[in-house]
Amino acid sequence: MQKINGRSEGVFVISVTPFAENGDLDLDGVEQMVDFYRSAGASGLTILGMMGEAPKLSQEESTSFATRVIKASPDMPVVVGVSAPGFAAMRDLSATVMDAGAAGVMIAPPSNLRSDEQIQNYYSQAAEVIGTETPFVVQDFPLVTNVVISSSVLLRIFADNANAVMLKHEDWPGLSKISALRAAEAEGAKRISILTGNGGLFLTEEMERGADGAMTGFAYPEMMVGVTRLAKAGEHDRARDLFDAYLPLARYEQQPGLGLAIRKHILNQRGAIRSARLRSPGPKLTQQDFGEIETLIARQTKRLSMLELNEGV
């Protein structure tokens, strides 16, 4: 398996974790899910992220799920989230998934980090713990981690650690951070891959600022694939037209608390996963929620048809 590097690009879909109706991990449904993401055009997969219900899995379950996904994805690089309160669990999971063929790992900062020095030291220690041959992604998501990482600190982390090769950019607002990192690169800073998050809500602007693609989830990953491809080709108006067709549903899916339940419901309806079950504790959708989702999907289908008609597809 090719490892991630500073020029990795495309859409690394943040995968959901499939559970059976009784709440058990649905390992037998992994191949079906991977096939869905592959058919949508995903460049790679990222598993055991924040929207993958990773904290609800035991270490044994995390290992079983990760190795099953990697085995089912010989043609796609798989990045595994290994964030943990302590370095022992991070080291063990990293070693296991890299031995299984993972393309790299993703590390989010613990919420107790406050100063720039603490952040830099943490990532230097983490880079050593996972092994210098293991490339890793810095997850910058201050809305959840409560850790604010400035552009200058990010540049230092990437400069000091050879195996730090990718940024999962989820600062909000954070478009200026992409611009600052690319400006620094133009002046000689290390080239890093920048893949963006936040459910793709700012994907068109992020691509125009210099992002290499997306590393996030959405029930219609083909939208993110299409937008990134069009943007890379310089067809920004077409990219925005495609994005606009999906925007109402993407917005609805980003509801705090309910977002993952909405995403899993739609993925289940689309045949990606065999059950929409979230592992407890987790919210449940109401009949009114289901009705709103159906309306949004119907209107999305109509907009896509009009877009294809106007383009003569």
Protein backbone atom coordinates (compact mmCIF):
# COMPACT_ATOMS: atom_id res chain seq x y z
CA MET A 1 0.00 0.00 0.00
CA GLN A 2 1.32 3.42 -0.95
CA LYS A 3 1.73 5.69 2.04
CA ILE A 4 0.32 9.21 2.18
CA ASN A 5 2.75 12.03 1.48
CA GLY A 6 2.89 15.78 1.02
CA ARG A 7 1.26 15.57 -2.40
CA SER A 8 -1.62 13.23 -1.64
CA GLU A 9 -4.83 14.56 -3.12
CA GLY A 10 -8.45 13.80 -3.88
CA VAL A 11 -11.21 12.78 -1.50
CA PHE A 12 -10.36 10.60 1.50
CA VAL A 13 -13.88 9.90 2.71
CA ILE A 14 -14.34 9.83 6.46
CA SER A 15 -16.01 6.46 6.74
CA VAL A 16 -18.80 5.68 9.14
CA THR A 17 -18.43 2.62 11.34
CA PRO A 18 -21.18 0.08 10.56
CA PHE A 19 -23.07 -1.53 13.41
CA ALA A 20 -25.71 -4.24 13.40
CA GLU A 21 -29.17 -3.55 14.80
CA ASN A 22 -28.11 -4.99 18.16
CA GLY A 23 -25.20 -2.55 18.39
CA ASP A 24 -22.45 -5.05 17.56
CA LEU A 25 -19.76 -4.08 15.11
CA ASP A 26 -20.86 -5.19 11.62
CA LEU A 27 -17.61 -6.54 10.23
CA ASP A 28 -19.44 -8.58 7.61
CA GLY A 29 -20.79 -5.35 6.13
CA VAL A 30 -17.39 -3.73 5.64
CA GLU A 31 -16.86 -4.89 2.06
CA GLN A 32 -20.28 -3.55 1.04
CA MET A 33 -19.45 -0.17 2.56
CA VAL A 34 -16.00 0.00 0.97
CA ASP A 35 -17.48 -0.91 -2.43
CA PHE A 36 -19.92 1.99 -2.08
CA TYR A 37 -17.18 4.52 -1.34
CA ARG A 38 -15.06 3.11 -4.17
CA SER A 39 -17.94 3.41 -6.66
CA ALA A 40 -18.42 7.03 -5.57
CA GLY A 41 -14.88 7.77 -6.71
CA ALA A 42 -13.12 8.07 -3.35
CA SER A 43 -9.34 8.43 -3.57
CA GLY A 44 -8.94 6.90 -0.13
CA LEU A 45 -10.66 6.27 3.18
CA THR A 46 -10.17 7.59 6.69
CA ILE A 47 -11.52 5.46 9.50
CA LEU A 48 -11.89 5.74 13.27
CA GLY A 49 -12.31 9.49 13.07
CA MET A 50 -14.59 11.63 15.22
CA MET A 51 -17.59 10.88 12.98
CA GLY A 52 -16.65 7.21 12.95
CA GLU A 53 -17.77 6.74 16.58
CA ALA A 54 -14.20 5.75 17.48
CA PRO A 55 -14.61 6.53 21.21
CA LYS A 56 -17.43 3.96 21.37
CA LEU A 57 -15.17 1.11 20.22
CA SER A 58 -12.91 -1.00 22.36
CA GLN A 59 -9.25 -1.26 21.38
CA GLU A 60 -9.92 -4.78 20.10
CA GLU A 61 -12.88 -3.58 17.99
CA SER A 62 -10.84 -0.70 16.59
CA THR A 63 -8.13 -3.12 15.52
CA SER A 64 -10.60 -5.60 14.00
CA PHE A 65 -12.45 -2.91 12.07
CA ALA A 66 -9.29 -1.21 10.81
CA THR A 67 -7.68 -4.41 9.56
CA ARG A 68 -10.92 -5.48 7.84
CA VAL A 69 -11.23 -2.14 6.01
CA ILE A 70 -7.58 -2.20 4.97
CA LYS A 71 -7.95 -5.73 3.62
CA ALA A 72 -11.05 -4.69 1.65
CA SER A 73 -9.26 -1.66 0.17
CA PRO A 74 -6.13 -2.90 -1.65
CA ASP A 75 -6.64 -0.21 -4.30
CA MET A 76 -7.27 2.69 -1.91
CA PRO A 77 -5.03 4.18 0.79
CA VAL A 78 -6.56 3.96 4.26
CA VAL A 79 -5.74 6.48 6.99
CA VAL A 80 -6.55 5.37 10.53
CA GLY A 81 -7.39 7.70 13.39
CA VAL A 82 -5.21 6.76 16.36
CA SER A 83 -5.90 9.67 18.71
CA ALA A 84 -5.89 8.52 22.32
CA PRO A 85 -5.52 9.99 25.81
CA GLY A 86 -2.16 8.25 26.22
CA PHE A 87 0.69 7.32 23.91
CA ALA A 88 0.63 3.60 24.71
CA ALA A 89 -2.69 3.00 22.96
CA MET A 90 -1.65 5.29 20.08
CA ARG A 91 1.61 3.39 19.61
CA ASP A 92 -0.02 -0.04 19.66
CA LEU A 93 -2.85 0.81 17.25
CA SER A 94 -0.47 2.62 14.89
CA ALA A 95 1.88 -0.35 14.77
CA THR A 96 -0.97 -2.79 14.14
CA VAL A 97 -2.63 -0.85 11.32
CA MET A 98 0.65 0.02 9.60
CA ASP A 99 1.66 -3.64 9.68
CA ALA A 100 -1.75 -4.43 8.13
CA GLY A 101 -1.09 -2.01 5.26
CA ALA A 102 -2.49 1.36 6.34
CA ALA A 103 -1.29 4.40 4.40
CA GLY A 104 -0.84 6.51 7.51
CA VAL A 105 -2.48 7.60 10.75
CA MET A 106 -4.30 10.69 11.97
CA ILE A 107 -3.67 12.40 15.29
CA ALA A 108 -5.84 15.05 16.95
CA PRO A 109 -4.44 17.07 19.86
CA PRO A 110 -5.78 16.36 23.36
CA SER A 111 -7.99 19.12 24.73
CA ASN A 112 -5.65 20.02 27.59
CA LEU A 113 -3.05 21.62 25.30
CA ARG A 114 -3.02 25.40 25.51
CA SER A 115 0.31 27.01 24.68
CA ASP A 116 2.13 26.87 21.35
CA GLU A 117 5.03 25.11 23.05
CA GLN A 118 2.75 22.42 24.47
CA ILE A 119 1.22 21.77 21.03
CA GLN A 120 4.59 21.54 19.31
CA ASN A 121 6.01 19.26 22.00
CA TYR A 122 2.98 16.99 21.86
CA TYR A 123 3.28 16.41 18.13
CA SER A 124 7.05 15.90 18.35
CA GLN A 125 6.49 13.20 20.97
CA ALA A 126 3.63 11.64 19.00
CA ALA A 127 5.74 11.58 15.84
CA GLU A 128 8.42 9.64 17.69
CA VAL A 129 5.97 7.29 19.44
CA ILE A 130 4.32 6.09 16.21
CA GLY A 131 7.68 5.65 14.50
CA THR A 132 9.42 7.94 12.06
CA GLU A 133 8.48 5.67 9.14
CA THR A 134 4.77 6.18 9.85
CA PRO A 135 3.36 9.24 8.02
CA PHE A 136 0.69 11.10 9.92
CA VAL A 137 -2.07 13.65 9.53
CA VAL A 138 -2.40 16.59 11.90
CA GLN A 139 -6.10 17.05 12.65
CA ASP A 140 -6.84 20.72 13.22
CA PHE A 141 -10.43 20.88 14.48
CA PRO A 142 -10.57 23.49 17.26
CA LEU A 143 -14.38 23.54 17.41
CA VAL A 144 -14.23 20.03 18.87
CA THR A 145 -10.75 19.71 20.40
CA ASN A 146 -10.71 23.24 21.88
CA VAL A 147 -7.07 23.44 20.78
CA VAL A 148 -6.24 26.40 18.57
CA ILE A 149 -3.24 25.77 16.33
CA SER A 150 -1.97 28.85 14.51
CA SER A 151 -0.48 28.75 11.03
CA SER A 152 2.97 29.43 12.45
CA VAL A 153 2.71 26.50 14.87
CA LEU A 154 1.51 24.21 12.09
CA LEU A 155 4.49 25.23 9.97
CA ARG A 156 6.82 24.41 12.86
CA ILE A 157 5.18 20.99 13.43
CA PHE A 158 5.58 20.05 9.78
CA ALA A 159 9.13 21.41 9.61
CA ASP A 160 10.27 19.59 12.77
CA ASN A 161 8.71 16.20 11.99
CA ALA A 162 9.55 14.51 8.70
CA ASN A 163 6.64 12.08 9.05
CA ALA A 164 4.08 14.91 9.42
CA VAL A 165 2.85 15.11 5.84
CA MET A 166 -0.81 16.11 5.81
CA LEU A 167 -3.19 18.59 7.44
CA LYS A 168 -6.83 17.77 8.01
CA HIS A 169 -8.05 21.33 7.94
CA GLU A 170 -11.23 21.92 9.92
CA ASP A 171 -10.70 25.34 11.41
CA TRP A 172 -13.80 27.49 11.10
CA PRO A 173 -13.42 30.16 9.89
CA GLY A 174 -10.10 29.02 8.55
CA LEU A 175 -9.79 29.79 4.85
CA SER A 176 -7.02 32.26 5.60
CA LYS A 177 -5.02 29.44 7.18
CA ILE A 178 -4.92 27.57 3.87
CA SER A 179 -3.74 30.74 2.13
CA ALA A 180 -1.05 31.33 4.77
CA LEU A 181 0.28 27.76 4.49
CA ARG A 182 0.42 27.90 0.72
CA ALA A 183 2.12 31.30 0.82
CA ALA A 184 4.75 29.89 3.18
CA GLU A 185 5.25 26.95 0.83
CA ALA A 186 5.87 29.37 -2.05
CA GLU A 187 8.62 30.91 0.07
CA GLY A 188 10.30 27.57 0.72
CA ALA A 189 8.36 25.86 3.49
CA LYS A 190 7.80 22.11 3.33
CA ARG A 191 5.11 20.97 0.91
CA ILE A 192 2.20 19.35 2.75
CA SER A 193 -1.07 17.89 1.61
CA ILE A 194 -4.10 19.86 2.80
CA LEU A 195 -7.39 17.98 2.89
CA THR A 196 -10.41 19.76 4.32
CA GLY A 197 -13.30 18.82 6.59
CA ASN A 198 -16.48 20.35 7.97
CA GLY A 199 -18.69 18.12 5.86
CA GLY A 200 -17.53 19.84 2.69
CA LEU A 201 -19.52 22.99 3.45
CA PHE A 202 -16.69 25.25 2.29
CA LEU A 203 -15.14 22.91 -0.28
CA THR A 204 -15.38 25.24 -3.28
CA GLU A 205 -13.62 28.08 -1.47
CA GLU A 206 -11.09 25.71 0.09
CA MET A 207 -10.11 24.32 -3.29
CA GLU A 208 -9.67 27.82 -4.69
CA ARG A 209 -7.42 28.66 -1.71
CA GLY A 210 -5.12 25.75 -2.53
CA ALA A 211 -6.49 22.66 -0.78
CA ASP A 212 -5.65 19.31 -2.35
CA GLY A 213 -9.06 17.81 -1.70
CA ALA A 214 -11.31 16.76 1.14
CA MET A 215 -11.10 14.46 4.13
CA THR A 216 -14.60 14.50 5.48
CA GLY A 217 -17.91 12.68 5.35
CA PHE A 218 -21.16 13.25 3.50
CA ALA A 219 -23.90 10.86 2.47
CA TYR A 220 -23.14 11.78 -1.18
CA PRO A 221 -19.34 11.52 -1.45
CA GLU A 222 -19.62 11.74 -5.23
CA MET A 223 -20.38 15.45 -4.80
CA MET A 224 -17.03 16.04 -3.11
CA VAL A 225 -15.27 13.93 -5.74
CA GLY A 226 -16.86 15.92 -8.55
CA VAL A 227 -16.18 19.31 -6.97
CA THR A 228 -12.50 18.55 -6.33
CA ARG A 229 -11.97 17.21 -9.84
CA LEU A 230 -13.62 20.21 -11.46
CA ALA A 231 -11.71 22.64 -9.25
CA LYS A 232 -8.41 20.93 -10.05
CA ALA A 233 -9.25 21.35 -13.73
CA GLY A 234 -9.86 25.07 -13.19
CA GLU A 235 -13.60 24.73 -13.85
CA HIS A 236 -14.64 26.63 -10.74
CA ASP A 237 -18.07 27.72 -12.00
CA ARG A 238 -19.03 24.12 -12.79
CA ALA A 239 -17.67 23.05 -9.41
CA ARG A 240 -19.90 25.61 -7.70
CA ASP A 241 -22.92 24.55 -9.75
CA LEU A 242 -22.43 20.95 -8.65
CA PHE A 243 -21.85 21.98 -5.04
CA ASP A 244 -24.98 24.15 -5.04
CA ALA A 245 -27.14 21.19 -6.10
CA TYR A 246 -26.20 19.33 -2.90
CA LEU A 247 -25.90 22.27 -0.50
CA PRO A 248 -29.34 22.12 1.22
CA LEU A 249 -28.84 18.47 2.17
CA ALA A 250 -25.20 19.03 3.16
CA ARG A 251 -26.37 21.85 5.42
CA TYR A 252 -29.08 19.68 6.96
CA GLU A 253 -26.60 16.88 7.60
CA GLN A 254 -24.35 19.23 9.56
CA GLN A 255 -26.81 19.65 12.43
CA PRO A 256 -24.90 19.34 15.72
CA GLY A 257 -25.89 16.14 17.48
CA LEU A 258 -28.06 14.72 14.68
CA GLY A 259 -25.62 14.88 11.77
CA LEU A 260 -24.23 11.37 11.98
CA ALA A 261 -27.68 9.84 12.44
CA ILE A 262 -28.82 11.64 9.28
CA ARG A 263 -25.76 10.54 7.35
CA LYS A 264 -26.13 6.91 8.42
CA HIS A 265 -29.83 6.90 7.56
CA ILE A 266 -29.13 8.09 4.03
CA LEU A 267 -26.17 5.75 3.58
CA ASN A 268 -28.39 2.88 4.67
CA GLN A 269 -31.04 3.95 2.16
CA ARG A 270 -28.38 4.11 -0.55
CA GLY A 271 -27.14 0.61 0.23
CA ALA A 272 -23.77 1.58 1.69
CA ILE A 273 -24.38 0.08 5.12
CA ARG A 274 -26.76 -2.64 6.24
CA SER A 275 -28.10 -0.74 9.25
CA ALA A 276 -28.39 2.94 10.16
CA ARG A 277 -27.74 2.08 13.80
CA LEU A 278 -25.55 4.36 15.91
CA ARG A 279 -23.92 2.74 18.88
CA SER A 280 -25.38 3.99 22.15
CA PRO A 281 -25.38 6.63 23.40
CA GLY A 282 -26.70 8.35 20.32
CA PRO A 283 -29.75 10.23 19.00
CA LYS A 284 -32.63 8.74 17.05
CA LEU A 285 -34.39 10.42 14.15
CA THR A 286 -38.12 11.14 14.27
CA GLN A 287 -40.72 10.62 11.55
CA GLN A 288 -40.61 14.36 10.94
CA ASP A 289 -36.86 14.13 10.42
CA PHE A 290 -37.34 11.32 7.91
CA GLY A 291 -39.90 13.40 6.02
CA GLU A 292 -37.57 16.39 5.80
CA ILE A 293 -34.76 14.19 4.52
CA GLU A 294 -37.00 12.71 1.82
CA THR A 295 -38.02 16.21 0.71
CA LEU A 296 -34.42 17.37 0.54
CA ILE A 297 -33.37 14.31 -1.45
CA ALA A 298 -36.22 14.78 -3.92
CA ARG A 299 -35.34 18.42 -4.44
CA GLN A 300 -31.66 17.53 -4.80
CA THR A 301 -32.50 14.99 -7.50
CA LYS A 302 -34.50 17.65 -9.33
CA ARG A 303 -31.62 20.14 -9.21
CA LEU A 304 -29.17 17.54 -10.48
CA SER A 305 -31.48 16.72 -13.38
CA MET A 306 -31.72 20.39 -14.30
CA LEU A 307 -27.95 20.76 -14.05
CA GLU A 308 -27.38 17.80 -16.36
CA LEU A 309 -30.00 19.13 -18.80
CA ASN A 310 -28.38 22.56 -18.89
CA GLU A 311 -24.96 21.05 -19.52
CA GLY A 312 -26.31 18.77 -22.21
CA VAL A 313 -25.23 15.64 -20.41
